[in-house]
Amino acid sequence: MDETLCSPTQDGKTLRQGGVRLDNLAIVPASLLPRRATYQAYANRLPRGQVLIIVPRDAEPARRATLAKVAASLAANGRRVRTLPVEHFRAAPPSRPHRR
């Protein structure tokens, strides 16, 4: 095993010791990655510590159930969770740099 890899426990401990504070968490489908600026701006306006879960439109029932369990688990651990459909972030085309 490569010695440069950290376990999740060590990584989290390092972040806490370094004074890093994670404000919000966003769980998004990969298809939304080109619109990162859109959902990130939305997540940044949420209260500190809130979790944003974006549910894909065509998600299988098993995937929806998994996301619902994740949301329930986070809520049970004191996190506020906001769940939105992916269509909320697909209204505008993704922003791209202007080419000349």
C-alpha atoms as a PDB file:
ATOM      1  CA  MET A   1       0.000   0.000   0.000  1.00  0.00           C
ATOM      2  CA  ASP A   2       1.274   3.474  -0.824  1.00  0.00           C
ATOM      3  CA  GLU A   3       2.404   5.284   2.319  1.00  0.00           C
ATOM      4  CA  THR A   4       1.289   8.677   0.990  1.00  0.00           C
ATOM      5  CA  LEU A   5      -2.379   7.720   1.197  1.00  0.00           C
ATOM      6  CA  CYS A   6      -4.286   8.689   4.332  1.00  0.00           C
ATOM      7  CA  SER A   7      -7.212   6.898   5.857  1.00  0.00           C
ATOM      8  CA  PRO A   8     -10.426   8.929   6.143  1.00  0.00           C
ATOM      9  CA  THR A   9      -9.843   9.306   9.888  1.00  0.00           C
ATOM     10  CA  GLN A  10      -6.351  10.697   9.439  1.00  0.00           C
ATOM     11  CA  ASP A  11      -7.474  12.998   6.632  1.00  0.00           C
ATOM     12  CA  GLY A  12     -10.316  14.442   8.718  1.00  0.00           C
ATOM     13  CA  LYS A  13      -8.005  14.890  11.686  1.00  0.00           C
ATOM     14  CA  THR A  14      -5.506  16.738   9.489  1.00  0.00           C
ATOM     15  CA  LEU A  15      -8.219  19.080   8.233  1.00  0.00           C
ATOM     16  CA  ARG A  16      -9.376  19.858  11.774  1.00  0.00           C
ATOM     17  CA  GLN A  17      -5.841  20.476  13.014  1.00  0.00           C
ATOM     18  CA  GLY A  18      -5.144  22.793  10.084  1.00  0.00           C
ATOM     19  CA  GLY A  19      -8.032  25.065  11.007  1.00  0.00           C
ATOM     20  CA  VAL A  20      -9.995  24.157   7.873  1.00  0.00           C
ATOM     21  CA  ARG A  21     -13.732  24.469   8.283  1.00  0.00           C
ATOM     22  CA  LEU A  22     -16.084  22.914   5.765  1.00  0.00           C
ATOM     23  CA  ASP A  23     -19.145  25.145   5.427  1.00  0.00           C
ATOM     24  CA  ASN A  24     -21.514  23.096   3.268  1.00  0.00           C
ATOM     25  CA  LEU A  25     -21.671  19.775   1.530  1.00  0.00           C
ATOM     26  CA  ALA A  26     -23.254  19.198  -1.888  1.00  0.00           C
ATOM     27  CA  ILE A  27     -24.070  15.738  -3.231  1.00  0.00           C
ATOM     28  CA  VAL A  28     -24.711  16.048  -6.948  1.00  0.00           C
ATOM     29  CA  PRO A  29     -25.037  13.728  -9.944  1.00  0.00           C
ATOM     30  CA  ALA A  30     -22.055  13.658 -12.302  1.00  0.00           C
ATOM     31  CA  SER A  31     -24.218  14.991 -15.136  1.00  0.00           C
ATOM     32  CA  LEU A  32     -24.436  18.282 -13.247  1.00  0.00           C
ATOM     33  CA  LEU A  33     -20.667  18.806 -12.967  1.00  0.00           C
ATOM     34  CA  PRO A  34     -20.559  21.150 -16.000  1.00  0.00           C
ATOM     35  CA  ARG A  35     -22.907  23.433 -14.032  1.00  0.00           C
ATOM     36  CA  ARG A  36     -20.744  23.471 -10.925  1.00  0.00           C
ATOM     37  CA  ALA A  37     -20.825  27.258 -10.664  1.00  0.00           C
ATOM     38  CA  THR A  38     -24.626  27.184 -10.522  1.00  0.00           C
ATOM     39  CA  TYR A  39     -25.087  24.630  -7.741  1.00  0.00           C
ATOM     40  CA  GLN A  40     -22.025  25.870  -5.864  1.00  0.00           C
ATOM     41  CA  ALA A  41     -23.424  29.416  -5.782  1.00  0.00           C
ATOM     42  CA  TYR A  42     -26.716  28.007  -4.482  1.00  0.00           C
ATOM     43  CA  ALA A  43     -24.949  25.895  -1.829  1.00  0.00           C
ATOM     44  CA  ASN A  44     -22.842  28.864  -0.732  1.00  0.00           C
ATOM     45  CA  ARG A  45     -26.025  30.817   0.051  1.00  0.00           C
ATOM     46  CA  LEU A  46     -27.291  28.092   2.369  1.00  0.00           C
ATOM     47  CA  PRO A  47     -26.736  28.425   6.109  1.00  0.00           C
ATOM     48  CA  ARG A  48     -23.385  27.079   7.306  1.00  0.00           C
ATOM     49  CA  GLY A  49     -23.444  23.342   7.836  1.00  0.00           C
ATOM     50  CA  GLN A  50     -26.415  22.627   5.594  1.00  0.00           C
ATOM     51  CA  VAL A  51     -26.231  19.766   3.109  1.00  0.00           C
ATOM     52  CA  LEU A  52     -27.533  20.071  -0.442  1.00  0.00           C
ATOM     53  CA  ILE A  53     -28.592  16.862  -2.181  1.00  0.00           C
ATOM     54  CA  ILE A  54     -29.523  17.111  -5.842  1.00  0.00           C
ATOM     55  CA  VAL A  55     -31.588  14.169  -7.059  1.00  0.00           C
ATOM     56  CA  PRO A  56     -31.292  13.091 -10.713  1.00  0.00           C
ATOM     57  CA  ARG A  57     -34.541  13.135 -12.684  1.00  0.00           C
ATOM     58  CA  ASP A  58     -34.050   9.638 -14.045  1.00  0.00           C
ATOM     59  CA  ALA A  59     -32.789   8.108 -10.820  1.00  0.00           C
ATOM     60  CA  GLU A  60     -33.746   4.511 -10.268  1.00  0.00           C
ATOM     61  CA  PRO A  61     -35.946   3.816  -7.229  1.00  0.00           C
ATOM     62  CA  ALA A  62     -32.978   2.199  -5.461  1.00  0.00           C
ATOM     63  CA  ARG A  63     -30.830   5.309  -5.987  1.00  0.00           C
ATOM     64  CA  ARG A  64     -33.642   7.582  -4.752  1.00  0.00           C
ATOM     65  CA  ALA A  65     -34.016   5.363  -1.681  1.00  0.00           C
ATOM     66  CA  THR A  66     -30.275   5.571  -1.034  1.00  0.00           C
ATOM     67  CA  LEU A  67     -30.297   9.367  -1.277  1.00  0.00           C
ATOM     68  CA  ALA A  68     -33.308   9.470   1.060  1.00  0.00           C
ATOM     69  CA  LYS A  69     -31.410   7.299   3.572  1.00  0.00           C
ATOM     70  CA  VAL A  70     -28.357   9.554   3.325  1.00  0.00           C
ATOM     71  CA  ALA A  71     -30.554  12.608   3.926  1.00  0.00           C
ATOM     72  CA  ALA A  72     -32.262  10.943   6.895  1.00  0.00           C
ATOM     73  CA  SER A  73     -28.932   9.871   8.390  1.00  0.00           C
ATOM     74  CA  LEU A  74     -27.470  13.367   8.061  1.00  0.00           C
ATOM     75  CA  ALA A  75     -30.615  14.875   9.596  1.00  0.00           C
ATOM     76  CA  ALA A  76     -30.486  12.355  12.456  1.00  0.00           C
ATOM     77  CA  ASN A  77     -26.943  13.553  13.136  1.00  0.00           C
ATOM     78  CA  GLY A  78     -28.058  17.161  13.437  1.00  0.00           C
ATOM     79  CA  ARG A  79     -27.408  18.380   9.884  1.00  0.00           C
ATOM     80  CA  ARG A  80     -29.981  20.382   7.981  1.00  0.00           C
ATOM     81  CA  VAL A  81     -30.582  18.837   4.570  1.00  0.00           C
ATOM     82  CA  ARG A  82     -32.102  20.429   1.479  1.00  0.00           C
ATOM     83  CA  THR A  83     -33.044  18.080  -1.350  1.00  0.00           C
ATOM     84  CA  LEU A  84     -33.790  19.474  -4.803  1.00  0.00           C
ATOM     85  CA  PRO A  85     -34.447  17.943  -8.222  1.00  0.00           C
ATOM     86  CA  VAL A  86     -31.718  18.305 -10.831  1.00  0.00           C
ATOM     87  CA  GLU A  87     -34.091  20.343 -13.033  1.00  0.00           C
ATOM     88  CA  HIS A  88     -33.710  23.226 -10.601  1.00  0.00           C
ATOM     89  CA  PHE A  89     -30.136  23.653 -11.856  1.00  0.00           C
ATOM     90  CA  ARG A  90     -30.606  22.813 -15.532  1.00  0.00           C
ATOM     91  CA  ALA A  91     -32.714  25.871 -16.409  1.00  0.00           C
ATOM     92  CA  ALA A  92     -29.734  27.903 -17.637  1.00  0.00           C
ATOM     93  CA  PRO A  93     -27.023  26.630 -19.983  1.00  0.00           C
ATOM     94  CA  PRO A  94     -23.635  25.967 -18.382  1.00  0.00           C
ATOM     95  CA  SER A  95     -21.314  28.918 -18.357  1.00  0.00           C
ATOM     96  CA  ARG A  96     -18.302  28.669 -20.669  1.00  0.00           C
ATOM     97  CA  PRO A  97     -15.392  30.998 -21.176  1.00  0.00           C
ATOM     98  CA  HIS A  98     -15.808  33.346 -24.109  1.00  0.00           C
ATOM     99  CA  ARG A  99     -13.536  32.450 -27.040  1.00  0.00           C
ATOM    100  CA  ARG A 100     -12.250  35.025 -29.505  1.00  0.00           C
END
